[in-house]
């Protein structure tokens, strides 16, 4: 149990849930947190907790989520065909203000925090790996033009689906 708490604490410290947690544009810093196979020339990313800490006395964090927007992704990577995503839970804080409008609308359109991606041809399940532990983390990737939105749930309460 102690290693899990330490790992989550380090994720929160680096990606944090503090109100002054700005998004990062460092591909190297992202690679130190999570490994993924998305080739890109640029990225903006952020790790945040749900509920998101907005100041005052911090409360418990139920979910830790990574949102990344990759740009300059090759067409061959975007065109690959994986199984469709289907219905998936989206953290209420996911529509980050720095996301491209289409990606922000996709996340904000989640009815009851669930979005159905079954009919989106460029949305696929995606697995990343926490760099320090190698633990797989699940989510999805959606493409628009040469940009890819990556949504990964890094931590969730036991028994959550």
C-alpha atoms as a PDB file:
ATOM      1  CA  UNK A   1       0.000   0.000   0.000  1.00  0.00           C
ATOM      2  CA  UNK A   2       2.810   2.426   0.843  1.00  0.00           C
ATOM      3  CA  UNK A   3       4.419   2.220  -2.655  1.00  0.00           C
ATOM      4  CA  UNK A   4       1.049   3.079  -4.256  1.00  0.00           C
ATOM      5  CA  UNK A   5       0.638   6.116  -2.003  1.00  0.00           C
ATOM      6  CA  UNK A   6       4.198   7.230  -2.784  1.00  0.00           C
ATOM      7  CA  UNK A   7       3.655   6.821  -6.527  1.00  0.00           C
ATOM      8  CA  UNK A   8       0.422   8.809  -6.442  1.00  0.00           C
ATOM      9  CA  UNK A   9       2.042  11.514  -4.324  1.00  0.00           C
ATOM     10  CA  UNK A  10       4.866  11.886  -6.834  1.00  0.00           C
ATOM     11  CA  UNK A  11       2.404  12.077  -9.748  1.00  0.00           C
ATOM     12  CA  UNK A  12       0.453  14.773  -7.951  1.00  0.00           C
ATOM     13  CA  UNK A  13       3.619  16.672  -7.079  1.00  0.00           C
ATOM     14  CA  UNK A  14       4.950  16.586 -10.640  1.00  0.00           C
ATOM     15  CA  UNK A  15       1.708  16.903 -12.571  1.00  0.00           C
ATOM     16  CA  UNK A  16      -0.125  18.199  -9.589  1.00  0.00           C
ATOM     17  CA  UNK A  17      -3.556  19.274  -8.644  1.00  0.00           C
ATOM     18  CA  UNK A  18      -2.534  22.678  -7.397  1.00  0.00           C
ATOM     19  CA  UNK A  19      -4.421  25.711  -8.723  1.00  0.00           C
ATOM     20  CA  UNK A  20      -1.151  26.976 -10.260  1.00  0.00           C
ATOM     21  CA  UNK A  21      -0.558  23.728 -12.206  1.00  0.00           C
ATOM     22  CA  UNK A  22      -0.093  25.034 -15.763  1.00  0.00           C
ATOM     23  CA  UNK A  23      -0.041  22.692 -18.736  1.00  0.00           C
ATOM     24  CA  UNK A  24       3.395  21.610 -19.956  1.00  0.00           C
ATOM     25  CA  UNK A  25       4.747  21.593 -23.504  1.00  0.00           C
ATOM     26  CA  UNK A  26       7.756  19.428 -22.699  1.00  0.00           C
ATOM     27  CA  UNK A  27       7.777  16.103 -24.521  1.00  0.00           C
ATOM     28  CA  UNK A  28      10.718  15.033 -22.348  1.00  0.00           C
ATOM     29  CA  UNK A  29       8.784  15.724 -19.123  1.00  0.00           C
ATOM     30  CA  UNK A  30       5.785  13.797 -20.455  1.00  0.00           C
ATOM     31  CA  UNK A  31       8.037  10.850 -21.349  1.00  0.00           C
ATOM     32  CA  UNK A  32       9.346  10.870 -17.752  1.00  0.00           C
ATOM     33  CA  UNK A  33       5.754  10.380 -16.537  1.00  0.00           C
ATOM     34  CA  UNK A  34       4.122   8.078 -19.103  1.00  0.00           C
ATOM     35  CA  UNK A  35       5.314   6.179 -22.153  1.00  0.00           C
ATOM     36  CA  UNK A  36       3.138   6.106 -25.246  1.00  0.00           C
ATOM     37  CA  UNK A  37       3.658   5.314 -28.919  1.00  0.00           C
ATOM     38  CA  UNK A  38       2.194   8.549 -30.338  1.00  0.00           C
ATOM     39  CA  UNK A  39       4.785  10.157 -32.652  1.00  0.00           C
ATOM     40  CA  UNK A  40       4.471  13.945 -32.704  1.00  0.00           C
ATOM     41  CA  UNK A  41       6.404  17.158 -33.192  1.00  0.00           C
ATOM     42  CA  UNK A  42       4.747  18.993 -30.267  1.00  0.00           C
ATOM     43  CA  UNK A  43       2.580  18.314 -27.239  1.00  0.00           C
ATOM     44  CA  UNK A  44       0.663  20.150 -24.538  1.00  0.00           C
ATOM     45  CA  UNK A  45      -0.274  18.038 -21.522  1.00  0.00           C
ATOM     46  CA  UNK A  46      -1.476  18.165 -17.950  1.00  0.00           C
ATOM     47  CA  UNK A  47      -2.111  15.764 -15.079  1.00  0.00           C
ATOM     48  CA  UNK A  48      -4.989  16.641 -12.758  1.00  0.00           C
ATOM     49  CA  UNK A  49      -7.032  15.095  -9.992  1.00  0.00           C
ATOM     50  CA  UNK A  50     -10.772  14.638  -9.563  1.00  0.00           C
ATOM     51  CA  UNK A  51     -12.032  16.415  -7.646  1.00  0.00           C
ATOM     52  CA  UNK A  52      -9.541  19.027  -8.754  1.00  0.00           C
ATOM     53  CA  UNK A  53      -7.766  20.961  -6.010  1.00  0.00           C
ATOM     54  CA  UNK A  54      -8.595  24.651  -6.307  1.00  0.00           C
ATOM     55  CA  UNK A  55      -7.094  25.958  -3.091  1.00  0.00           C
ATOM     56  CA  UNK A  56      -7.801  25.716   0.608  1.00  0.00           C
ATOM     57  CA  UNK A  57      -7.516  22.439   2.454  1.00  0.00           C
ATOM     58  CA  UNK A  58      -7.020  19.621  -0.048  1.00  0.00           C
ATOM     59  CA  UNK A  59      -9.560  16.818  -0.002  1.00  0.00           C
ATOM     60  CA  UNK A  60      -9.252  13.271  -1.281  1.00  0.00           C
ATOM     61  CA  UNK A  61      -8.521  12.739  -4.972  1.00  0.00           C
ATOM     62  CA  UNK A  62     -10.567   9.932  -6.521  1.00  0.00           C
ATOM     63  CA  UNK A  63      -9.082   9.939 -10.025  1.00  0.00           C
ATOM     64  CA  UNK A  64      -5.809  11.120 -11.541  1.00  0.00           C
ATOM     65  CA  UNK A  65      -6.041  11.822 -15.256  1.00  0.00           C
ATOM     66  CA  UNK A  66      -3.584  12.744 -17.994  1.00  0.00           C
ATOM     67  CA  UNK A  67      -4.803  14.842 -20.927  1.00  0.00           C
ATOM     68  CA  UNK A  68      -2.386  15.484 -23.798  1.00  0.00           C
ATOM     69  CA  UNK A  69      -2.814  17.106 -27.188  1.00  0.00           C
ATOM     70  CA  UNK A  70      -0.171  15.956 -29.655  1.00  0.00           C
ATOM     71  CA  UNK A  71       0.419  17.958 -32.842  1.00  0.00           C
ATOM     72  CA  UNK A  72       2.244  17.004 -36.023  1.00  0.00           C
ATOM     73  CA  UNK A  73       1.218  13.333 -35.780  1.00  0.00           C
ATOM     74  CA  UNK A  74       1.904  11.424 -39.027  1.00  0.00           C
ATOM     75  CA  UNK A  75      -1.136  10.434 -41.114  1.00  0.00           C
ATOM     76  CA  UNK A  76      -0.062   6.749 -41.013  1.00  0.00           C
ATOM     77  CA  UNK A  77      -0.359   6.682 -37.224  1.00  0.00           C
ATOM     78  CA  UNK A  78      -3.775   8.388 -37.334  1.00  0.00           C
ATOM     79  CA  UNK A  79      -5.060   6.053 -40.081  1.00  0.00           C
ATOM     80  CA  UNK A  80      -4.343   2.854 -38.154  1.00  0.00           C
ATOM     81  CA  UNK A  81      -7.449   0.883 -37.376  1.00  0.00           C
ATOM     82  CA  UNK A  82      -7.992  -0.326 -33.847  1.00  0.00           C
ATOM     83  CA  UNK A  83     -11.125  -1.515 -32.141  1.00  0.00           C
ATOM     84  CA  UNK A  84     -13.643   1.268 -31.380  1.00  0.00           C
ATOM     85  CA  UNK A  85     -13.756   2.807 -27.917  1.00  0.00           C
ATOM     86  CA  UNK A  86     -17.489   2.774 -27.131  1.00  0.00           C
ATOM     87  CA  UNK A  87     -18.807   4.422 -23.959  1.00  0.00           C
ATOM     88  CA  UNK A  88     -16.204   5.765 -21.568  1.00  0.00           C
ATOM     89  CA  UNK A  89     -16.219   7.814 -18.377  1.00  0.00           C
ATOM     90  CA  UNK A  90     -14.723  11.314 -18.606  1.00  0.00           C
ATOM     91  CA  UNK A  91     -13.515  13.280 -15.571  1.00  0.00           C
ATOM     92  CA  UNK A  92     -15.651  16.425 -15.191  1.00  0.00           C
ATOM     93  CA  UNK A  93     -12.497  18.591 -15.244  1.00  0.00           C
ATOM     94  CA  UNK A  94     -11.258  17.074 -18.530  1.00  0.00           C
ATOM     95  CA  UNK A  95     -12.240  19.861 -20.973  1.00  0.00           C
ATOM     96  CA  UNK A  96      -9.049  21.811 -20.307  1.00  0.00           C
ATOM     97  CA  UNK A  97      -9.141  25.454 -21.550  1.00  0.00           C
ATOM     98  CA  UNK A  98      -5.918  25.008 -23.569  1.00  0.00           C
ATOM     99  CA  UNK A  99      -7.299  22.166 -25.719  1.00  0.00           C
ATOM    100  CA  UNK A 100      -8.220  22.747 -29.372  1.00  0.00           C
ATOM    101  CA  UNK A 101     -11.955  23.592 -29.597  1.00  0.00           C
ATOM    102  CA  UNK A 102     -12.937  20.237 -31.168  1.00  0.00           C
ATOM    103  CA  UNK A 103     -11.216  18.218 -28.448  1.00  0.00           C
ATOM    104  CA  UNK A 104     -12.599  20.463 -25.699  1.00  0.00           C
ATOM    105  CA  UNK A 105     -16.136  20.045 -27.135  1.00  0.00           C
ATOM    106  CA  UNK A 106     -15.706  16.265 -27.324  1.00  0.00           C
ATOM    107  CA  UNK A 107     -14.837  16.086 -23.619  1.00  0.00           C
ATOM    108  CA  UNK A 108     -17.396  18.705 -22.568  1.00  0.00           C
ATOM    109  CA  UNK A 109     -20.151  16.811 -24.429  1.00  0.00           C
ATOM    110  CA  UNK A 110     -20.008  13.895 -22.006  1.00  0.00           C
ATOM    111  CA  UNK A 111     -23.576  13.362 -20.760  1.00  0.00           C
ATOM    112  CA  UNK A 112     -23.385  12.396 -17.089  1.00  0.00           C
ATOM    113  CA  UNK A 113     -19.597  12.254 -17.511  1.00  0.00           C
ATOM    114  CA  UNK A 114     -19.884   9.498 -20.133  1.00  0.00           C
ATOM    115  CA  UNK A 115     -19.067   9.956 -23.809  1.00  0.00           C
ATOM    116  CA  UNK A 116     -19.846   7.425 -26.542  1.00  0.00           C
ATOM    117  CA  UNK A 117     -16.995   7.255 -29.053  1.00  0.00           C
ATOM    118  CA  UNK A 118     -18.280   4.214 -30.986  1.00  0.00           C
ATOM    119  CA  UNK A 119     -19.125   6.245 -34.115  1.00  0.00           C
ATOM    120  CA  UNK A 120     -15.928   8.294 -34.168  1.00  0.00           C
ATOM    121  CA  UNK A 121     -13.665   6.620 -36.743  1.00  0.00           C
ATOM    122  CA  UNK A 122     -10.464   8.179 -35.416  1.00  0.00           C
ATOM    123  CA  UNK A 123     -10.998   7.326 -31.724  1.00  0.00           C
ATOM    124  CA  UNK A 124      -9.374   4.169 -30.416  1.00  0.00           C
ATOM    125  CA  UNK A 125      -8.494   2.587 -27.082  1.00  0.00           C
ATOM    126  CA  UNK A 126      -4.992   3.528 -25.996  1.00  0.00           C
ATOM    127  CA  UNK A 127      -2.646   2.066 -23.406  1.00  0.00           C
ATOM    128  CA  UNK A 128       0.198   4.025 -21.872  1.00  0.00           C
ATOM    129  CA  UNK A 129       2.653   2.936 -19.204  1.00  0.00           C
ATOM    130  CA  UNK A 130       3.592   4.763 -16.021  1.00  0.00           C
ATOM    131  CA  UNK A 131       7.325   5.305 -16.480  1.00  0.00           C
ATOM    132  CA  UNK A 132       8.504   4.520 -12.947  1.00  0.00           C
ATOM    133  CA  UNK A 133       6.483   1.335 -12.380  1.00  0.00           C
ATOM    134  CA  UNK A 134       5.747   0.131 -15.903  1.00  0.00           C
ATOM    135  CA  UNK A 135       2.089  -0.235 -14.863  1.00  0.00           C
ATOM    136  CA  UNK A 136      -0.297  -0.032 -17.852  1.00  0.00           C
ATOM    137  CA  UNK A 137      -2.890   2.765 -17.813  1.00  0.00           C
ATOM    138  CA  UNK A 138      -5.933   2.772 -20.058  1.00  0.00           C
ATOM    139  CA  UNK A 139      -7.735   5.446 -21.985  1.00  0.00           C
ATOM    140  CA  UNK A 140      -8.296   6.547 -25.547  1.00  0.00           C
ATOM    141  CA  UNK A 141      -6.802   8.593 -28.359  1.00  0.00           C
ATOM    142  CA  UNK A 142      -8.864  10.643 -30.840  1.00  0.00           C
ATOM    143  CA  UNK A 143      -7.473  12.329 -33.938  1.00  0.00           C
ATOM    144  CA  UNK A 144      -8.524  15.532 -35.676  1.00  0.00           C
ATOM    145  CA  UNK A 145      -6.401  16.566 -38.645  1.00  0.00           C
ATOM    146  CA  UNK A 146      -2.786  15.946 -37.608  1.00  0.00           C
ATOM    147  CA  UNK A 147      -3.552  16.369 -33.893  1.00  0.00           C
ATOM    148  CA  UNK A 148      -4.298  13.619 -31.379  1.00  0.00           C
ATOM    149  CA  UNK A 149      -6.056  13.944 -28.028  1.00  0.00           C
ATOM    150  CA  UNK A 150      -4.813  11.435 -25.461  1.00  0.00           C
ATOM    151  CA  UNK A 151      -6.925  10.710 -22.362  1.00  0.00           C
ATOM    152  CA  UNK A 152      -5.451   8.303 -19.803  1.00  0.00           C
ATOM    153  CA  UNK A 153      -6.766   7.433 -16.352  1.00  0.00           C
ATOM    154  CA  UNK A 154      -3.607   7.132 -14.253  1.00  0.00           C
ATOM    155  CA  UNK A 155      -5.367   6.217 -11.012  1.00  0.00           C
ATOM    156  CA  UNK A 156      -8.935   5.442  -9.983  1.00  0.00           C
ATOM    157  CA  UNK A 157     -10.695   4.215  -6.851  1.00  0.00           C
ATOM    158  CA  UNK A 158     -10.669   0.469  -6.341  1.00  0.00           C
ATOM    159  CA  UNK A 159     -13.640  -1.113  -8.064  1.00  0.00           C
ATOM    160  CA  UNK A 160     -14.286   1.855 -10.383  1.00  0.00           C
ATOM    161  CA  UNK A 161     -14.900   1.113 -14.038  1.00  0.00           C
END
